[in-house]
C-alpha atoms as a PDB file:
ATOM      1  CA  MET A   1     -27.370 -85.128  21.803  1.00  0.00           C
ATOM      2  CA  ALA A   2     -24.687 -87.589  20.712  1.00  0.00           C
ATOM      3  CA  PRO A   3     -21.848 -85.942  18.713  1.00  0.00           C
ATOM      4  CA  ALA A   4     -22.162 -88.725  16.121  1.00  0.00           C
ATOM      5  CA  GLN A   5     -25.413 -87.153  14.937  1.00  0.00           C
ATOM      6  CA  VAL A   6     -23.482 -84.464  13.068  1.00  0.00           C
ATOM      7  CA  HIS A   7     -20.687 -85.171  10.605  1.00  0.00           C
ATOM      8  CA  PRO A   8     -18.687 -82.037   9.733  1.00  0.00           C
ATOM      9  CA  GLU A   9     -16.099 -84.136   7.948  1.00  0.00           C
ATOM     10  CA  ARG A  10     -18.714 -85.131   5.346  1.00  0.00           C
ATOM     11  CA  ALA A  11     -19.537 -81.582   4.275  1.00  0.00           C
ATOM     12  CA  PRO A  12     -18.731 -80.786   0.612  1.00  0.00           C
ATOM     13  CA  ASP A  13     -15.913 -78.299   0.014  1.00  0.00           C
ATOM     14  CA  TRP A  14     -18.279 -75.406  -0.767  1.00  0.00           C
ATOM     15  CA  LEU A  15     -20.034 -75.864   2.588  1.00  0.00           C
ATOM     16  CA  VAL A  16     -16.874 -76.139   4.724  1.00  0.00           C
ATOM     17  CA  PRO A  17     -16.525 -72.372   5.461  1.00  0.00           C
ATOM     18  CA  LEU A  18     -20.022 -72.298   6.933  1.00  0.00           C
ATOM     19  CA  VAL A  19     -19.451 -75.473   8.956  1.00  0.00           C
ATOM     20  CA  ARG A  20     -16.258 -74.028  10.406  1.00  0.00           C
ATOM     21  CA  ALA A  21     -17.947 -70.728  11.248  1.00  0.00           C
ATOM     22  CA  ALA A  22     -20.784 -72.588  12.981  1.00  0.00           C
ATOM     23  CA  GLY A  23     -18.367 -73.800  15.642  1.00  0.00           C
ATOM     24  CA  SER A  24     -17.796 -70.282  16.956  1.00  0.00           C
ATOM     25  CA  ALA A  25     -21.130 -68.679  16.043  1.00  0.00           C
ATOM     26  CA  ASP A  26     -22.404 -66.066  18.486  1.00  0.00           C
ATOM     27  CA  PRO A  27     -26.145 -66.310  19.294  1.00  0.00           C
ATOM     28  CA  VAL A  28     -26.328 -62.510  19.439  1.00  0.00           C
ATOM     29  CA  GLU A  29     -25.195 -62.291  15.799  1.00  0.00           C
ATOM     30  CA  LEU A  30     -27.740 -64.912  14.718  1.00  0.00           C
ATOM     31  CA  SER A  31     -30.809 -63.710  16.592  1.00  0.00           C
ATOM     32  CA  GLN A  32     -33.018 -60.829  15.509  1.00  0.00           C
ATOM     33  CA  HIS A  33     -34.398 -60.534  19.044  1.00  0.00           C
ATOM     34  CA  ASN A  34     -31.334 -60.856  21.314  1.00  0.00           C
ATOM     35  CA  ILE A  35     -33.576 -61.860  24.215  1.00  0.00           C
ATOM     36  CA  ALA A  36     -32.606 -64.681  26.569  1.00  0.00           C
ATOM     37  CA  ALA A  37     -35.035 -67.567  26.944  1.00  0.00           C
ATOM     38  CA  PRO A  38     -36.986 -67.569  30.223  1.00  0.00           C
ATOM     39  CA  ALA A  39     -36.063 -70.142  32.836  1.00  0.00           C
ATOM     40  CA  THR A  40     -39.432 -71.872  32.386  1.00  0.00           C
ATOM     41  CA  GLY A  41     -42.229 -71.954  29.849  1.00  0.00           C
ATOM     42  CA  SER A  42     -40.240 -72.027  26.599  1.00  0.00           C
ATOM     43  CA  ARG A  43     -40.437 -74.957  24.212  1.00  0.00           C
ATOM     44  CA  ARG A  44     -37.566 -76.733  22.452  1.00  0.00           C
ATOM     45  CA  ALA A  45     -37.580 -76.927  18.662  1.00  0.00           C
ATOM     46  CA  ALA A  46     -35.222 -77.396  15.721  1.00  0.00           C
ATOM     47  CA  VAL A  47     -35.111 -76.313  12.093  1.00  0.00           C
ATOM     48  CA  LEU A  48     -33.312 -77.949   9.186  1.00  0.00           C
ATOM     49  CA  VAL A  49     -31.063 -75.535   7.269  1.00  0.00           C
ATOM     50  CA  LEU A  50     -30.663 -77.853   4.308  1.00  0.00           C
ATOM     51  CA  PHE A  51     -28.225 -77.111   1.506  1.00  0.00           C
ATOM     52  CA  GLY A  52     -28.484 -78.959  -1.784  1.00  0.00           C
ATOM     53  CA  THR A  53     -26.859 -78.187  -5.115  1.00  0.00           C
ATOM     54  CA  THR A  54     -27.727 -78.388  -8.800  1.00  0.00           C
ATOM     55  CA  ALA A  55     -25.581 -78.146 -11.901  1.00  0.00           C
ATOM     56  CA  GLN A  56     -27.666 -75.215 -13.143  1.00  0.00           C
ATOM     57  CA  ALA A  57     -27.887 -73.028 -10.021  1.00  0.00           C
ATOM     58  CA  GLY A  58     -25.212 -74.252  -7.621  1.00  0.00           C
ATOM     59  CA  PRO A  59     -25.932 -74.398  -3.870  1.00  0.00           C
ATOM     60  CA  ASP A  60     -29.512 -73.888  -2.743  1.00  0.00           C
ATOM     61  CA  LEU A  61     -31.583 -73.792   0.431  1.00  0.00           C
ATOM     62  CA  LEU A  62     -34.839 -75.600   1.153  1.00  0.00           C
ATOM     63  CA  LEU A  63     -37.575 -73.214   2.328  1.00  0.00           C
ATOM     64  CA  GLN A  64     -41.296 -73.533   2.889  1.00  0.00           C
ATOM     65  CA  GLU A  65     -44.252 -71.204   3.219  1.00  0.00           C
ATOM     66  CA  ARG A  66     -46.361 -72.093   6.229  1.00  0.00           C
ATOM     67  CA  ALA A  67     -50.117 -72.422   5.816  1.00  0.00           C
ATOM     68  CA  GLY A  68     -52.215 -69.403   6.740  1.00  0.00           C
ATOM     69  CA  GLY A  69     -54.281 -71.197   9.367  1.00  0.00           C
ATOM     70  CA  LEU A  70     -51.487 -72.292  11.702  1.00  0.00           C
ATOM     71  CA  ARG A  71     -51.323 -71.100  15.309  1.00  0.00           C
ATOM     72  CA  ASP A  72     -47.644 -70.107  15.170  1.00  0.00           C
ATOM     73  CA  HIS A  73     -46.080 -68.003  12.379  1.00  0.00           C
ATOM     74  CA  ALA A  74     -48.980 -68.516   9.966  1.00  0.00           C
ATOM     75  CA  GLY A  75     -48.202 -67.584   6.366  1.00  0.00           C
ATOM     76  CA  GLN A  76     -44.513 -66.990   7.046  1.00  0.00           C
ATOM     77  CA  VAL A  77     -41.589 -68.478   5.163  1.00  0.00           C
ATOM     78  CA  SER A  78     -39.505 -70.816   7.269  1.00  0.00           C
ATOM     79  CA  PHE A  79     -37.005 -73.614   7.269  1.00  0.00           C
ATOM     80  CA  PRO A  80     -38.608 -77.040   7.754  1.00  0.00           C
ATOM     81  CA  GLY A  81     -38.785 -77.893  11.421  1.00  0.00           C
ATOM     82  CA  GLY A  82     -40.878 -77.817  14.534  1.00  0.00           C
ATOM     83  CA  GLY A  83     -41.231 -78.722  18.172  1.00  0.00           C
ATOM     84  CA  TRP A  84     -39.419 -81.438  20.074  1.00  0.00           C
ATOM     85  CA  GLU A  85     -41.296 -84.670  20.790  1.00  0.00           C
ATOM     86  CA  ALA A  86     -40.618 -87.197  23.523  1.00  0.00           C
ATOM     87  CA  THR A  87     -39.282 -89.768  21.035  1.00  0.00           C
ATOM     88  CA  ASP A  88     -36.651 -87.357  19.657  1.00  0.00           C
ATOM     89  CA  THR A  89     -33.081 -87.927  20.870  1.00  0.00           C
ATOM     90  CA  GLY A  90     -31.984 -84.370  20.069  1.00  0.00           C
ATOM     91  CA  PRO A  91     -32.336 -81.470  17.622  1.00  0.00           C
ATOM     92  CA  VAL A  92     -31.142 -83.519  14.654  1.00  0.00           C
ATOM     93  CA  ASP A  93     -33.942 -86.033  15.180  1.00  0.00           C
ATOM     94  CA  THR A  94     -36.467 -83.227  15.596  1.00  0.00           C
ATOM     95  CA  ALA A  95     -35.352 -81.343  12.482  1.00  0.00           C
ATOM     96  CA  LEU A  96     -35.268 -84.415  10.239  1.00  0.00           C
ATOM     97  CA  ARG A  97     -38.571 -85.802  11.480  1.00  0.00           C
ATOM     98  CA  GLU A  98     -40.381 -82.495  11.062  1.00  0.00           C
ATOM     99  CA  ALA A  99     -38.838 -81.859   7.637  1.00  0.00           C
ATOM    100  CA  ALA A 100     -39.967 -85.277   6.411  1.00  0.00           C
ATOM    101  CA  GLU A 101     -43.482 -84.681   7.744  1.00  0.00           C
ATOM    102  CA  GLU A 102     -43.716 -81.243   6.130  1.00  0.00           C
ATOM    103  CA  THR A 103     -41.908 -81.628   2.789  1.00  0.00           C
ATOM    104  CA  GLY A 104     -41.684 -85.356   2.099  1.00  0.00           C
ATOM    105  CA  LEU A 105     -37.887 -85.421   2.000  1.00  0.00           C
ATOM    106  CA  ASP A 106     -36.054 -88.670   2.788  1.00  0.00           C
ATOM    107  CA  PRO A 107     -33.914 -88.259   5.936  1.00  0.00           C
ATOM    108  CA  ALA A 108     -31.616 -91.038   4.699  1.00  0.00           C
ATOM    109  CA  GLY A 109     -30.362 -88.688   1.996  1.00  0.00           C
ATOM    110  CA  VAL A 110     -29.542 -85.864   4.428  1.00  0.00           C
ATOM    111  CA  VAL A 111     -26.181 -85.486   6.201  1.00  0.00           C
ATOM    112  CA  PRO A 112     -26.287 -83.196   9.280  1.00  0.00           C
ATOM    113  CA  VAL A 113     -22.935 -81.396   9.417  1.00  0.00           C
ATOM    114  CA  ALA A 114     -23.174 -78.840  12.258  1.00  0.00           C
ATOM    115  CA  LEU A 115     -25.403 -77.243  14.869  1.00  0.00           C
ATOM    116  CA  LEU A 116     -25.833 -73.525  15.397  1.00  0.00           C
ATOM    117  CA  PRO A 117     -26.483 -72.127  18.901  1.00  0.00           C
ATOM    118  CA  GLU A 118     -29.971 -72.364  20.316  1.00  0.00           C
ATOM    119  CA  LEU A 119     -32.000 -69.212  19.595  1.00  0.00           C
ATOM    120  CA  TYR A 120     -35.052 -67.912  21.400  1.00  0.00           C
ATOM    121  CA  ILE A 121     -38.124 -66.658  19.484  1.00  0.00           C
ATOM    122  CA  PRO A 122     -40.235 -64.545  21.861  1.00  0.00           C
ATOM    123  CA  PRO A 123     -43.486 -64.442  19.791  1.00  0.00           C
ATOM    124  CA  SER A 124     -43.894 -68.231  19.882  1.00  0.00           C
ATOM    125  CA  GLY A 125     -41.841 -69.066  22.969  1.00  0.00           C
ATOM    126  CA  PHE A 126     -39.631 -71.581  21.138  1.00  0.00           C
ATOM    127  CA  ARG A 127     -35.944 -72.236  21.811  1.00  0.00           C
ATOM    128  CA  VAL A 128     -34.783 -73.250  18.341  1.00  0.00           C
ATOM    129  CA  THR A 129     -31.627 -75.130  17.365  1.00  0.00           C
ATOM    130  CA  PRO A 130     -30.736 -74.704  13.659  1.00  0.00           C
ATOM    131  CA  VAL A 131     -29.314 -77.927  12.183  1.00  0.00           C
ATOM    132  CA  LEU A 132     -27.025 -77.343   9.196  1.00  0.00           C
ATOM    133  CA  ALA A 133     -27.163 -80.200   6.720  1.00  0.00           C
ATOM    134  CA  HIS A 134     -26.075 -81.296   3.256  1.00  0.00           C
ATOM    135  CA  TRP A 135     -28.691 -82.807   0.948  1.00  0.00           C
ATOM    136  CA  ARG A 136     -26.523 -85.617  -0.394  1.00  0.00           C
ATOM    137  CA  ASP A 137     -29.337 -87.395  -2.241  1.00  0.00           C
ATOM    138  CA  PRO A 138     -32.141 -84.927  -3.053  1.00  0.00           C
ATOM    139  CA  VAL A 139     -35.642 -86.125  -3.809  1.00  0.00           C
ATOM    140  CA  ALA A 140     -38.698 -84.304  -5.093  1.00  0.00           C
ATOM    141  CA  VAL A 141     -40.387 -82.360  -2.297  1.00  0.00           C
ATOM    142  CA  ALA A 142     -43.830 -80.803  -1.916  1.00  0.00           C
ATOM    143  CA  PRO A 143     -46.272 -79.969   0.886  1.00  0.00           C
ATOM    144  CA  VAL A 144     -47.303 -83.187   2.628  1.00  0.00           C
ATOM    145  CA  ASP A 145     -50.229 -81.562   4.439  1.00  0.00           C
ATOM    146  CA  PRO A 146     -51.618 -78.382   2.802  1.00  0.00           C
ATOM    147  CA  ALA A 147     -53.163 -77.448   6.139  1.00  0.00           C
ATOM    148  CA  GLU A 148     -49.626 -77.092   7.512  1.00  0.00           C
ATOM    149  CA  THR A 149     -47.447 -76.195   4.521  1.00  0.00           C
ATOM    150  CA  ALA A 150     -48.534 -74.053   1.564  1.00  0.00           C
ATOM    151  CA  MET A 151     -45.406 -74.298  -0.594  1.00  0.00           C
ATOM    152  CA  VAL A 152     -41.968 -75.933  -0.613  1.00  0.00           C
ATOM    153  CA  VAL A 153     -39.174 -74.538  -2.758  1.00  0.00           C
ATOM    154  CA  ARG A 154     -35.425 -74.836  -3.298  1.00  0.00           C
ATOM    155  CA  VAL A 155     -33.966 -71.330  -3.547  1.00  0.00           C
ATOM    156  CA  PRO A 156     -30.470 -70.873  -5.034  1.00  0.00           C
ATOM    157  CA  VAL A 157     -28.016 -69.251  -2.649  1.00  0.00           C
ATOM    158  CA  ALA A 158     -27.045 -66.944  -5.517  1.00  0.00           C
ATOM    159  CA  GLU A 159     -30.593 -65.550  -5.590  1.00  0.00           C
ATOM    160  CA  LEU A 160     -30.619 -65.019  -1.829  1.00  0.00           C
ATOM    161  CA  ALA A 161     -27.250 -63.241  -2.017  1.00  0.00           C
ATOM    162  CA  ASP A 162     -28.293 -61.063  -4.965  1.00  0.00           C
ATOM    163  CA  PRO A 163     -28.421 -57.465  -3.636  1.00  0.00           C
ATOM    164  CA  GLY A 164     -31.482 -56.863  -5.820  1.00  0.00           C
ATOM    165  CA  ASN A 165     -33.420 -59.411  -3.761  1.00  0.00           C
ATOM    166  CA  ARG A 166     -32.383 -58.028  -0.360  1.00  0.00           C
ATOM    167  CA  PHE A 167     -33.858 -55.237   1.728  1.00  0.00           C
ATOM    168  CA  LEU A 168     -34.880 -54.247   5.236  1.00  0.00           C
ATOM    169  CA  VAL A 169     -38.514 -54.864   6.104  1.00  0.00           C
ATOM    170  CA  ARG A 170     -40.652 -53.081   8.687  1.00  0.00           C
ATOM    171  CA  HIS A 171     -43.289 -55.039  10.602  1.00  0.00           C
ATOM    172  CA  PRO A 172     -46.459 -53.156  11.687  1.00  0.00           C
ATOM    173  CA  SER A 173     -45.130 -53.374  15.251  1.00  0.00           C
ATOM    174  CA  GLY A 174     -42.168 -51.222  14.231  1.00  0.00           C
ATOM    175  CA  TRP A 175     -39.629 -54.072  14.204  1.00  0.00           C
ATOM    176  CA  VAL A 176     -37.116 -53.806  11.351  1.00  0.00           C
ATOM    177  CA  GLY A 177     -34.936 -56.633  10.063  1.00  0.00           C
ATOM    178  CA  PRO A 178     -33.343 -58.216   6.983  1.00  0.00           C
ATOM    179  CA  ALA A 179     -35.591 -59.691   4.308  1.00  0.00           C
ATOM    180  CA  PHE A 180     -35.413 -61.372   0.911  1.00  0.00           C
ATOM    181  CA  GLU A 181     -37.813 -61.436  -2.028  1.00  0.00           C
ATOM    182  CA  VAL A 182     -37.459 -64.824  -3.760  1.00  0.00           C
ATOM    183  CA  ALA A 183     -39.808 -67.297  -5.452  1.00  0.00           C
ATOM    184  CA  GLY A 184     -42.796 -64.986  -4.981  1.00  0.00           C
ATOM    185  CA  MET A 185     -42.242 -64.907  -1.219  1.00  0.00           C
ATOM    186  CA  VAL A 186     -40.845 -62.563   1.417  1.00  0.00           C
ATOM    187  CA  VAL A 187     -38.373 -64.245   3.744  1.00  0.00           C
ATOM    188  CA  TRP A 188     -38.199 -62.231   6.961  1.00  0.00           C
ATOM    189  CA  GLY A 189     -38.273 -62.487  10.768  1.00  0.00           C
ATOM    190  CA  PHE A 190     -36.396 -65.364  12.390  1.00  0.00           C
ATOM    191  CA  THR A 191     -35.800 -67.075   9.044  1.00  0.00           C
ATOM    192  CA  GLY A 192     -34.693 -63.889   7.310  1.00  0.00           C
ATOM    193  CA  GLY A 193     -32.225 -63.177  10.091  1.00  0.00           C
ATOM    194  CA  LEU A 194     -30.870 -66.720   9.969  1.00  0.00           C
ATOM    195  CA  VAL A 195     -30.474 -66.633   6.174  1.00  0.00           C
ATOM    196  CA  ASP A 196     -28.695 -63.294   6.542  1.00  0.00           C
ATOM    197  CA  ALA A 197     -26.271 -64.831   9.052  1.00  0.00           C
ATOM    198  CA  VAL A 198     -25.719 -67.991   6.999  1.00  0.00           C
ATOM    199  CA  LEU A 199     -24.835 -65.989   3.886  1.00  0.00           C
ATOM    200  CA  ARG A 200     -22.328 -63.964   5.880  1.00  0.00           C
ATOM    201  CA  MET A 201     -20.789 -66.963   7.661  1.00  0.00           C
ATOM    202  CA  GLY A 202     -20.584 -69.019   4.471  1.00  0.00           C
ATOM    203  CA  GLY A 203     -18.821 -66.278   2.505  1.00  0.00           C
ATOM    204  CA  TRP A 204     -21.706 -65.725   0.073  1.00  0.00           C
ATOM    205  CA  GLU A 205     -22.850 -62.286   1.224  1.00  0.00           C
ATOM    206  CA  ARG A 206     -22.652 -59.378  -1.226  1.00  0.00           C
ATOM    207  CA  ARG A 207     -23.013 -55.720  -0.326  1.00  0.00           C
ATOM    208  CA  TRP A 208     -26.679 -54.697  -0.276  1.00  0.00           C
ATOM    209  CA  SER A 209     -28.618 -51.549   0.572  1.00  0.00           C
ATOM    210  CA  THR A 210     -30.066 -51.121   4.056  1.00  0.00           C
ATOM    211  CA  ALA A 211     -31.687 -47.799   3.195  1.00  0.00           C
ATOM    212  CA  ARG A 212     -35.444 -47.170   3.289  1.00  0.00           C
ATOM    213  CA  PRO A 213     -37.059 -50.210   4.924  1.00  0.00           C
ATOM    214  CA  ARG A 214     -40.137 -51.527   3.103  1.00  0.00           C
ATOM    215  CA  ASP A 215     -43.447 -52.136   4.841  1.00  0.00           C
ATOM    216  CA  LEU A 216     -44.021 -55.865   5.258  1.00  0.00           C
ATOM    217  CA  ASP A 217     -47.552 -55.991   3.834  1.00  0.00           C
ATOM    218  CA  ARG A 218     -46.556 -54.008   0.746  1.00  0.00           C
ATOM    219  CA  ALA A 219     -43.473 -56.174   0.259  1.00  0.00           C
ATOM    220  CA  TRP A 220     -45.682 -59.277   0.188  1.00  0.00           C
ATOM    221  CA  VAL A 221     -48.025 -57.723  -2.391  1.00  0.00           C
ATOM    222  CA  VAL A 222     -45.085 -56.917  -4.671  1.00  0.00           C
ATOM    223  CA  ALA A 223     -43.525 -60.363  -4.214  1.00  0.00           C
ATOM    224  CA  ARG A 224     -46.774 -62.141  -5.055  1.00  0.00           C
ATOM    225  CA  ARG A 225     -47.269 -60.044  -8.160  1.00  0.00           C
ATOM    226  CA  ARG A 226     -43.757 -60.645  -9.396  1.00  0.00           C
ATOM    227  CA  GLY A 227     -43.977 -64.321  -8.582  1.00  0.00           C
ATOM    228  CA  ALA A 228     -47.199 -64.702 -10.535  1.00  0.00           C
ATOM    229  CA  GLY A 229     -45.656 -62.995 -13.543  1.00  0.00           C
ATOM    230  CA  ALA A 230     -42.456 -65.019 -13.515  1.00  0.00           C
END
């Protein structure tokens, strides 16, 4: 990937701490699995960790809920992104192309500012590069293909950092990790771990309780109910 594809010098002041931290980020601190990718068989992918801002809510993150019928990570909340294609020149190309296909955003209004280390996701076999970016010129976004994306939402960083929206979640397999209840959704797994790391690296994290993990299925029921009543 050509260095010119990321522009750390164009990050707004409020994003600079995260951009600086990205340069020395440790994959072990970012990954919820801490498992090295196999020598063969894994697939390259990229996600777009896109920060916008509004006068009302300040910085926000673009998230999506994946459609329930997908082969990989069905029904989960994720950053826009997907697998590498032969025409992609690197993770920035992959992340922007996939985000445009999923949410309808205009890549011309997005400024990639840093890359985080490649992370391996054992359940799907992807090696994922998170691309940090600033949404310089936001546009309205929505699911482009409902068969792929169920919902697209901009979530204020302040809501993600609110201790009342944070908890540990327990998957039926026994896995436990950080989670967030926002916009009627539960953000967990790879995305929850990455949001957790981004809040910490960007200086937004607030102390939150890690006591009494919640069961994942129950957490989703509660989030849906609260979201419907909001």
